[in-house]
């Protein structure tokens, strides 16, 4: 995909857009493990039905996004995937 102009057009089709987008990133206050797991589970369930999930994950991996749920994976899961691809 090309950069920004045409390359990120998938974002307009993302299922995470809208009021529930807050589930994809941690809140400004500290969150308990149970709260994080619940928030991430909600975000991942939205990703599961998203038509641009693969584009989203590819984007996050390409820019090495350090925060949030992208393409159905959290930060740790994306790092593990990146490590597997490298090794």
C-alpha atoms as a PDB file:
ATOM      1  CA  UNK A   1       0.000   0.000   0.000  1.00  0.00           C
ATOM      2  CA  UNK A   2       1.106   3.536  -0.682  1.00  0.00           C
ATOM      3  CA  UNK A   3       1.698   5.937   2.159  1.00  0.00           C
ATOM      4  CA  UNK A   4      -0.918   8.130   3.816  1.00  0.00           C
ATOM      5  CA  UNK A   5      -3.112   9.433   0.965  1.00  0.00           C
ATOM      6  CA  UNK A   6      -4.246   6.227  -0.736  1.00  0.00           C
ATOM      7  CA  UNK A   7      -2.444   3.843   1.592  1.00  0.00           C
ATOM      8  CA  UNK A   8      -4.517   4.420   4.680  1.00  0.00           C
ATOM      9  CA  UNK A   9      -7.926   4.438   3.000  1.00  0.00           C
ATOM     10  CA  UNK A  10      -8.655   1.172   4.830  1.00  0.00           C
ATOM     11  CA  UNK A  11      -9.004   3.224   8.019  1.00  0.00           C
ATOM     12  CA  UNK A  12     -12.299   4.677   6.800  1.00  0.00           C
ATOM     13  CA  UNK A  13     -13.698   1.122   6.639  1.00  0.00           C
ATOM     14  CA  UNK A  14     -12.396   0.045  10.055  1.00  0.00           C
ATOM     15  CA  UNK A  15     -14.938  -1.441  12.459  1.00  0.00           C
ATOM     16  CA  UNK A  16     -13.204   0.313  15.376  1.00  0.00           C
ATOM     17  CA  UNK A  17     -14.301   3.775  14.261  1.00  0.00           C
ATOM     18  CA  UNK A  18     -16.899   5.476  16.401  1.00  0.00           C
ATOM     19  CA  UNK A  19     -17.848   5.617  20.060  1.00  0.00           C
ATOM     20  CA  UNK A  20     -16.409   2.203  20.981  1.00  0.00           C
ATOM     21  CA  UNK A  21     -12.929   3.184  19.790  1.00  0.00           C
ATOM     22  CA  UNK A  22     -11.892   3.821  23.397  1.00  0.00           C
ATOM     23  CA  UNK A  23     -11.693   0.036  23.921  1.00  0.00           C
ATOM     24  CA  UNK A  24      -8.631  -0.100  21.681  1.00  0.00           C
ATOM     25  CA  UNK A  25      -6.302   1.955  23.886  1.00  0.00           C
ATOM     26  CA  UNK A  26      -5.639   2.049  27.625  1.00  0.00           C
ATOM     27  CA  UNK A  27      -7.328   4.805  29.617  1.00  0.00           C
ATOM     28  CA  UNK A  28      -5.408   7.764  31.038  1.00  0.00           C
ATOM     29  CA  UNK A  29      -5.790   6.329  34.551  1.00  0.00           C
ATOM     30  CA  UNK A  30      -4.242   3.087  35.768  1.00  0.00           C
ATOM     31  CA  UNK A  31      -6.335   0.048  34.934  1.00  0.00           C
ATOM     32  CA  UNK A  32      -6.447  -3.231  36.806  1.00  0.00           C
ATOM     33  CA  UNK A  33      -5.490  -6.413  34.976  1.00  0.00           C
ATOM     34  CA  UNK A  34      -9.119  -7.562  34.877  1.00  0.00           C
ATOM     35  CA  UNK A  35     -10.189  -4.229  33.378  1.00  0.00           C
ATOM     36  CA  UNK A  36      -7.430  -4.419  30.739  1.00  0.00           C
ATOM     37  CA  UNK A  37      -8.362  -7.975  29.804  1.00  0.00           C
ATOM     38  CA  UNK A  38     -12.044  -7.037  29.494  1.00  0.00           C
ATOM     39  CA  UNK A  39     -11.244  -3.928  27.414  1.00  0.00           C
ATOM     40  CA  UNK A  40      -8.897  -5.880  25.134  1.00  0.00           C
ATOM     41  CA  UNK A  41     -11.423  -8.688  24.737  1.00  0.00           C
ATOM     42  CA  UNK A  42     -14.074  -6.166  23.643  1.00  0.00           C
ATOM     43  CA  UNK A  43     -11.663  -4.583  21.152  1.00  0.00           C
ATOM     44  CA  UNK A  44     -10.563  -7.954  19.767  1.00  0.00           C
ATOM     45  CA  UNK A  45     -14.177  -9.031  19.288  1.00  0.00           C
ATOM     46  CA  UNK A  46     -14.749  -5.904  17.184  1.00  0.00           C
ATOM     47  CA  UNK A  47     -11.588  -6.686  15.186  1.00  0.00           C
ATOM     48  CA  UNK A  48     -12.751 -10.256  14.572  1.00  0.00           C
ATOM     49  CA  UNK A  49     -15.520  -9.069  12.249  1.00  0.00           C
ATOM     50  CA  UNK A  50     -13.595  -6.217  10.625  1.00  0.00           C
ATOM     51  CA  UNK A  51     -13.124  -6.300   6.851  1.00  0.00           C
ATOM     52  CA  UNK A  52      -9.809  -4.414   7.048  1.00  0.00           C
ATOM     53  CA  UNK A  53      -8.255  -6.333   9.961  1.00  0.00           C
ATOM     54  CA  UNK A  54      -5.287  -7.540   7.900  1.00  0.00           C
ATOM     55  CA  UNK A  55      -4.542  -4.042   6.549  1.00  0.00           C
ATOM     56  CA  UNK A  56      -4.731  -2.683  10.094  1.00  0.00           C
ATOM     57  CA  UNK A  57      -2.320  -5.274  11.455  1.00  0.00           C
ATOM     58  CA  UNK A  58       0.074  -4.759   8.544  1.00  0.00           C
ATOM     59  CA  UNK A  59       0.025  -1.011   9.197  1.00  0.00           C
ATOM     60  CA  UNK A  60       0.695  -1.403  12.929  1.00  0.00           C
ATOM     61  CA  UNK A  61       3.544  -3.824  12.242  1.00  0.00           C
ATOM     62  CA  UNK A  62       5.035  -1.553   9.579  1.00  0.00           C
ATOM     63  CA  UNK A  63       5.095   1.528  11.805  1.00  0.00           C
ATOM     64  CA  UNK A  64       5.912  -0.538  14.920  1.00  0.00           C
ATOM     65  CA  UNK A  65       2.914   0.871  16.781  1.00  0.00           C
ATOM     66  CA  UNK A  66       3.720   0.542  20.500  1.00  0.00           C
ATOM     67  CA  UNK A  67       0.196   1.005  21.903  1.00  0.00           C
ATOM     68  CA  UNK A  68      -3.295  -0.384  21.594  1.00  0.00           C
ATOM     69  CA  UNK A  69      -5.127  -3.155  19.784  1.00  0.00           C
ATOM     70  CA  UNK A  70      -4.446  -3.190  16.045  1.00  0.00           C
ATOM     71  CA  UNK A  71      -5.595  -5.937  13.697  1.00  0.00           C
ATOM     72  CA  UNK A  72      -6.820  -7.945  16.661  1.00  0.00           C
ATOM     73  CA  UNK A  73      -3.477  -8.040  18.468  1.00  0.00           C
ATOM     74  CA  UNK A  74      -2.204  -6.146  21.502  1.00  0.00           C
ATOM     75  CA  UNK A  75       1.304  -4.753  21.917  1.00  0.00           C
ATOM     76  CA  UNK A  76       2.808  -7.969  23.297  1.00  0.00           C
ATOM     77  CA  UNK A  77       1.171 -10.142  20.632  1.00  0.00           C
ATOM     78  CA  UNK A  78       2.429  -7.882  17.824  1.00  0.00           C
ATOM     79  CA  UNK A  79       5.964  -7.992  19.246  1.00  0.00           C
ATOM     80  CA  UNK A  80       5.809 -11.793  19.439  1.00  0.00           C
ATOM     81  CA  UNK A  81       4.608 -11.956  15.828  1.00  0.00           C
ATOM     82  CA  UNK A  82       7.383  -9.622  14.734  1.00  0.00           C
ATOM     83  CA  UNK A  83       9.963 -11.748  16.586  1.00  0.00           C
ATOM     84  CA  UNK A  84       8.631 -14.943  14.938  1.00  0.00           C
ATOM     85  CA  UNK A  85       8.805 -13.326  11.501  1.00  0.00           C
ATOM     86  CA  UNK A  86      12.379 -12.169  12.163  1.00  0.00           C
ATOM     87  CA  UNK A  87      13.550 -15.519  13.540  1.00  0.00           C
END
